[in-house]
Amino acid sequence: PRAIRAYQKSGFRIIEDLPEHELHEGKKEDCYLMEYRYDDNATNVKAMKYLIEHYFDNFKVDSIEIIGSGYDS
């Protein structure tokens, strides 16, 4: 659960709950199918803010401006 929350804070979303899907040490375990969508700007902004604030000490993000559509190269 802790790893799943970390992925969600980084912009991943749960697409589907897959009960008893993965085999670990001879026992079927539940798992989630997750996705990261590059074109979901609202999620990407939240994820970027979280990553910046948690990986750089004493750094606070007040705002992030979205430039482009997400498909720009």
N, C-alpha and C. Protein backbone atom coordinates (compact mmCIF):
# COMPACT_ATOMS: atom_id res chain seq x y z
N PRO A 1 0.81 -1.22 0.00
CA PRO A 1 0.00 0.00 0.00
C PRO A 1 0.85 1.28 0.00
N ARG A 2 1.99 1.28 0.71
CA ARG A 2 2.81 2.48 0.76
C ARG A 2 3.39 2.80 -0.62
N ALA A 3 3.83 1.78 -1.32
CA ALA A 3 4.38 1.99 -2.67
C ALA A 3 3.30 2.48 -3.62
N ILE A 4 2.10 1.96 -3.48
CA ILE A 4 0.99 2.39 -4.35
C ILE A 4 0.70 3.86 -4.13
N ARG A 5 0.68 4.30 -2.88
CA ARG A 5 0.45 5.73 -2.59
C ARG A 5 1.56 6.59 -3.18
N ALA A 6 2.79 6.12 -3.12
CA ALA A 6 3.90 6.88 -3.70
C ALA A 6 3.74 7.01 -5.22
N TYR A 7 3.34 5.94 -5.87
CA TYR A 7 3.08 6.00 -7.31
C TYR A 7 1.94 6.98 -7.62
N GLN A 8 0.88 6.94 -6.81
CA GLN A 8 -0.25 7.85 -7.04
C GLN A 8 0.16 9.30 -6.86
N LYS A 9 0.98 9.59 -5.87
CA LYS A 9 1.45 10.96 -5.67
C LYS A 9 2.35 11.42 -6.81
N SER A 10 2.94 10.48 -7.51
CA SER A 10 3.80 10.81 -8.64
C SER A 10 3.05 10.89 -9.96
N GLY A 11 1.73 10.71 -9.92
CA GLY A 11 0.93 10.89 -11.12
C GLY A 11 0.32 9.64 -11.72
N PHE A 12 0.62 8.47 -11.15
CA PHE A 12 0.01 7.24 -11.65
C PHE A 12 -1.42 7.13 -11.12
N ARG A 13 -2.29 6.47 -11.90
CA ARG A 13 -3.68 6.24 -11.49
C ARG A 13 -3.99 4.75 -11.57
N ILE A 14 -4.82 4.29 -10.63
CA ILE A 14 -5.27 2.90 -10.66
C ILE A 14 -6.34 2.77 -11.73
N ILE A 15 -6.13 1.85 -12.65
CA ILE A 15 -7.08 1.62 -13.74
C ILE A 15 -8.01 0.47 -13.39
N GLU A 16 -7.43 -0.58 -12.79
CA GLU A 16 -8.22 -1.77 -12.52
C GLU A 16 -7.65 -2.51 -11.31
N ASP A 17 -8.53 -3.02 -10.46
CA ASP A 17 -8.15 -3.88 -9.34
C ASP A 17 -8.17 -5.32 -9.86
N LEU A 18 -7.07 -6.03 -9.69
CA LEU A 18 -6.96 -7.40 -10.20
C LEU A 18 -6.79 -8.36 -9.02
N PRO A 19 -7.91 -8.88 -8.47
CA PRO A 19 -7.81 -9.77 -7.31
C PRO A 19 -7.17 -11.11 -7.69
N GLU A 20 -6.31 -11.59 -6.79
CA GLU A 20 -5.64 -12.88 -6.95
C GLU A 20 -5.01 -13.04 -8.34
N HIS A 21 -4.26 -12.04 -8.75
CA HIS A 21 -3.71 -12.00 -10.11
C HIS A 21 -2.24 -12.42 -10.19
N GLU A 22 -1.44 -12.01 -9.21
CA GLU A 22 0.00 -12.27 -9.23
C GLU A 22 0.35 -13.44 -8.31
N LEU A 23 1.28 -14.28 -8.74
CA LEU A 23 1.73 -15.41 -7.94
C LEU A 23 3.02 -15.04 -7.23
N HIS A 24 2.99 -14.97 -5.88
CA HIS A 24 4.15 -14.64 -5.06
C HIS A 24 4.33 -15.73 -4.02
N GLU A 25 5.48 -16.39 -4.06
CA GLU A 25 5.81 -17.45 -3.10
C GLU A 25 4.70 -18.50 -3.00
N GLY A 26 4.16 -18.89 -4.13
CA GLY A 26 3.15 -19.94 -4.18
C GLY A 26 1.75 -19.52 -3.81
N LYS A 27 1.53 -18.22 -3.60
CA LYS A 27 0.21 -17.73 -3.21
C LYS A 27 -0.23 -16.63 -4.18
N LYS A 28 -1.49 -16.68 -4.59
CA LYS A 28 -2.04 -15.64 -5.47
C LYS A 28 -2.28 -14.37 -4.65
N GLU A 29 -1.79 -13.24 -5.14
CA GLU A 29 -1.93 -11.94 -4.46
C GLU A 29 -2.70 -10.97 -5.35
N ASP A 30 -3.38 -10.02 -4.70
CA ASP A 30 -4.08 -8.97 -5.43
C ASP A 30 -3.05 -7.99 -6.00
N CYS A 31 -3.40 -7.33 -7.09
CA CYS A 31 -2.54 -6.28 -7.63
C CYS A 31 -3.41 -5.24 -8.34
N TYR A 32 -2.79 -4.14 -8.73
CA TYR A 32 -3.48 -3.06 -9.44
C TYR A 32 -2.83 -2.86 -10.80
N LEU A 33 -3.65 -2.58 -11.77
CA LEU A 33 -3.16 -2.12 -13.07
C LEU A 33 -3.16 -0.59 -12.98
N MET A 34 -1.98 0.03 -13.20
CA MET A 34 -1.87 1.48 -13.07
C MET A 34 -1.37 2.06 -14.38
N GLU A 35 -1.67 3.35 -14.58
CA GLU A 35 -1.18 4.04 -15.78
C GLU A 35 -0.71 5.43 -15.42
N TYR A 36 0.19 5.93 -16.25
CA TYR A 36 0.63 7.32 -16.17
C TYR A 36 0.30 7.95 -17.51
N ARG A 37 -0.49 8.99 -17.49
CA ARG A 37 -0.88 9.65 -18.74
C ARG A 37 -0.14 10.96 -18.87
N TYR A 38 0.65 11.06 -19.91
CA TYR A 38 1.44 12.26 -20.16
C TYR A 38 0.55 13.46 -20.44
N ASP A 39 -0.61 13.24 -21.06
CA ASP A 39 -1.47 14.34 -21.47
C ASP A 39 -2.42 14.83 -20.38
N ASP A 40 -2.34 14.28 -19.17
CA ASP A 40 -3.21 14.71 -18.07
C ASP A 40 -2.49 15.81 -17.29
N ASN A 41 -2.61 17.05 -17.75
CA ASN A 41 -1.84 18.15 -17.18
C ASN A 41 -2.13 18.41 -15.71
N ALA A 42 -3.39 18.27 -15.27
CA ALA A 42 -3.71 18.53 -13.86
C ALA A 42 -2.97 17.54 -12.96
N THR A 43 -2.96 16.28 -13.32
CA THR A 43 -2.24 15.28 -12.53
C THR A 43 -0.75 15.52 -12.61
N ASN A 44 -0.24 15.87 -13.77
CA ASN A 44 1.19 16.10 -13.93
C ASN A 44 1.67 17.28 -13.09
N VAL A 45 0.88 18.32 -12.99
CA VAL A 45 1.25 19.48 -12.18
C VAL A 45 1.33 19.09 -10.71
N LYS A 46 0.34 18.35 -10.22
CA LYS A 46 0.37 17.90 -8.82
C LYS A 46 1.57 16.99 -8.57
N ALA A 47 1.83 16.10 -9.51
CA ALA A 47 2.95 15.17 -9.36
C ALA A 47 4.28 15.92 -9.35
N MET A 48 4.45 16.87 -10.26
CA MET A 48 5.70 17.64 -10.33
C MET A 48 5.92 18.44 -9.05
N LYS A 49 4.86 19.06 -8.54
CA LYS A 49 4.96 19.82 -7.29
C LYS A 49 5.39 18.90 -6.15
N TYR A 50 4.77 17.74 -6.05
CA TYR A 50 5.12 16.77 -5.01
C TYR A 50 6.58 16.35 -5.12
N LEU A 51 7.01 15.99 -6.32
CA LEU A 51 8.38 15.52 -6.50
C LEU A 51 9.41 16.60 -6.18
N ILE A 52 9.17 17.82 -6.64
CA ILE A 52 10.11 18.91 -6.37
C ILE A 52 10.21 19.16 -4.87
N GLU A 53 9.07 19.26 -4.19
CA GLU A 53 9.08 19.59 -2.76
C GLU A 53 9.66 18.46 -1.90
N HIS A 54 9.55 17.22 -2.35
CA HIS A 54 10.03 16.11 -1.53
C HIS A 54 11.46 15.69 -1.84
N TYR A 55 12.00 16.08 -2.97
CA TYR A 55 13.36 15.68 -3.30
C TYR A 55 14.37 16.82 -3.19
N PHE A 56 13.91 18.04 -2.98
CA PHE A 56 14.81 19.16 -2.76
C PHE A 56 14.49 19.75 -1.40
N ASP A 57 15.46 19.72 -0.50
CA ASP A 57 15.26 20.23 0.86
C ASP A 57 14.96 21.73 0.84
N ASN A 58 14.05 22.15 1.71
CA ASN A 58 13.71 23.56 1.90
C ASN A 58 13.27 24.24 0.61
N PHE A 59 12.57 23.54 -0.23
CA PHE A 59 12.09 24.10 -1.50
C PHE A 59 10.58 24.02 -1.52
N LYS A 60 9.91 25.16 -1.69
CA LYS A 60 8.45 25.22 -1.70
C LYS A 60 7.98 25.74 -3.05
N VAL A 61 7.05 25.03 -3.68
CA VAL A 61 6.50 25.43 -4.98
C VAL A 61 5.18 26.14 -4.73
N ASP A 62 5.09 27.40 -5.14
CA ASP A 62 3.85 28.16 -4.97
C ASP A 62 2.91 27.96 -6.15
N SER A 63 3.47 27.93 -7.35
CA SER A 63 2.62 27.73 -8.53
C SER A 63 3.45 27.15 -9.66
N ILE A 64 2.75 26.46 -10.56
CA ILE A 64 3.38 25.92 -11.76
C ILE A 64 2.51 26.34 -12.93
N GLU A 65 3.14 26.87 -13.96
CA GLU A 65 2.41 27.29 -15.15
C GLU A 65 2.55 26.23 -16.24
N ILE A 66 1.44 25.83 -16.81
CA ILE A 66 1.45 24.85 -17.89
C ILE A 66 1.70 25.57 -19.21
N ILE A 67 2.73 25.14 -19.92
CA ILE A 67 3.07 25.72 -21.21
C ILE A 67 2.95 24.62 -22.26
N GLY A 68 2.13 24.83 -23.27
CA GLY A 68 1.95 23.83 -24.31
C GLY A 68 0.85 22.85 -23.97
N SER A 69 0.66 21.89 -24.86
CA SER A 69 -0.44 20.94 -24.71
C SER A 69 -0.01 19.63 -24.09
N GLY A 70 1.29 19.43 -23.91
CA GLY A 70 1.78 18.15 -23.44
C GLY A 70 2.25 17.27 -24.58
N TYR A 71 1.90 17.64 -25.79
CA TYR A 71 2.34 16.88 -26.95
C TYR A 71 3.48 17.59 -27.68
N ASP A 72 3.88 18.74 -27.16
CA ASP A 72 4.95 19.50 -27.79
C ASP A 72 6.28 18.76 -27.62
N SER A 73 7.14 18.87 -28.60
CA SER A 73 8.45 18.23 -28.47
C SER A 73 9.55 19.26 -28.60
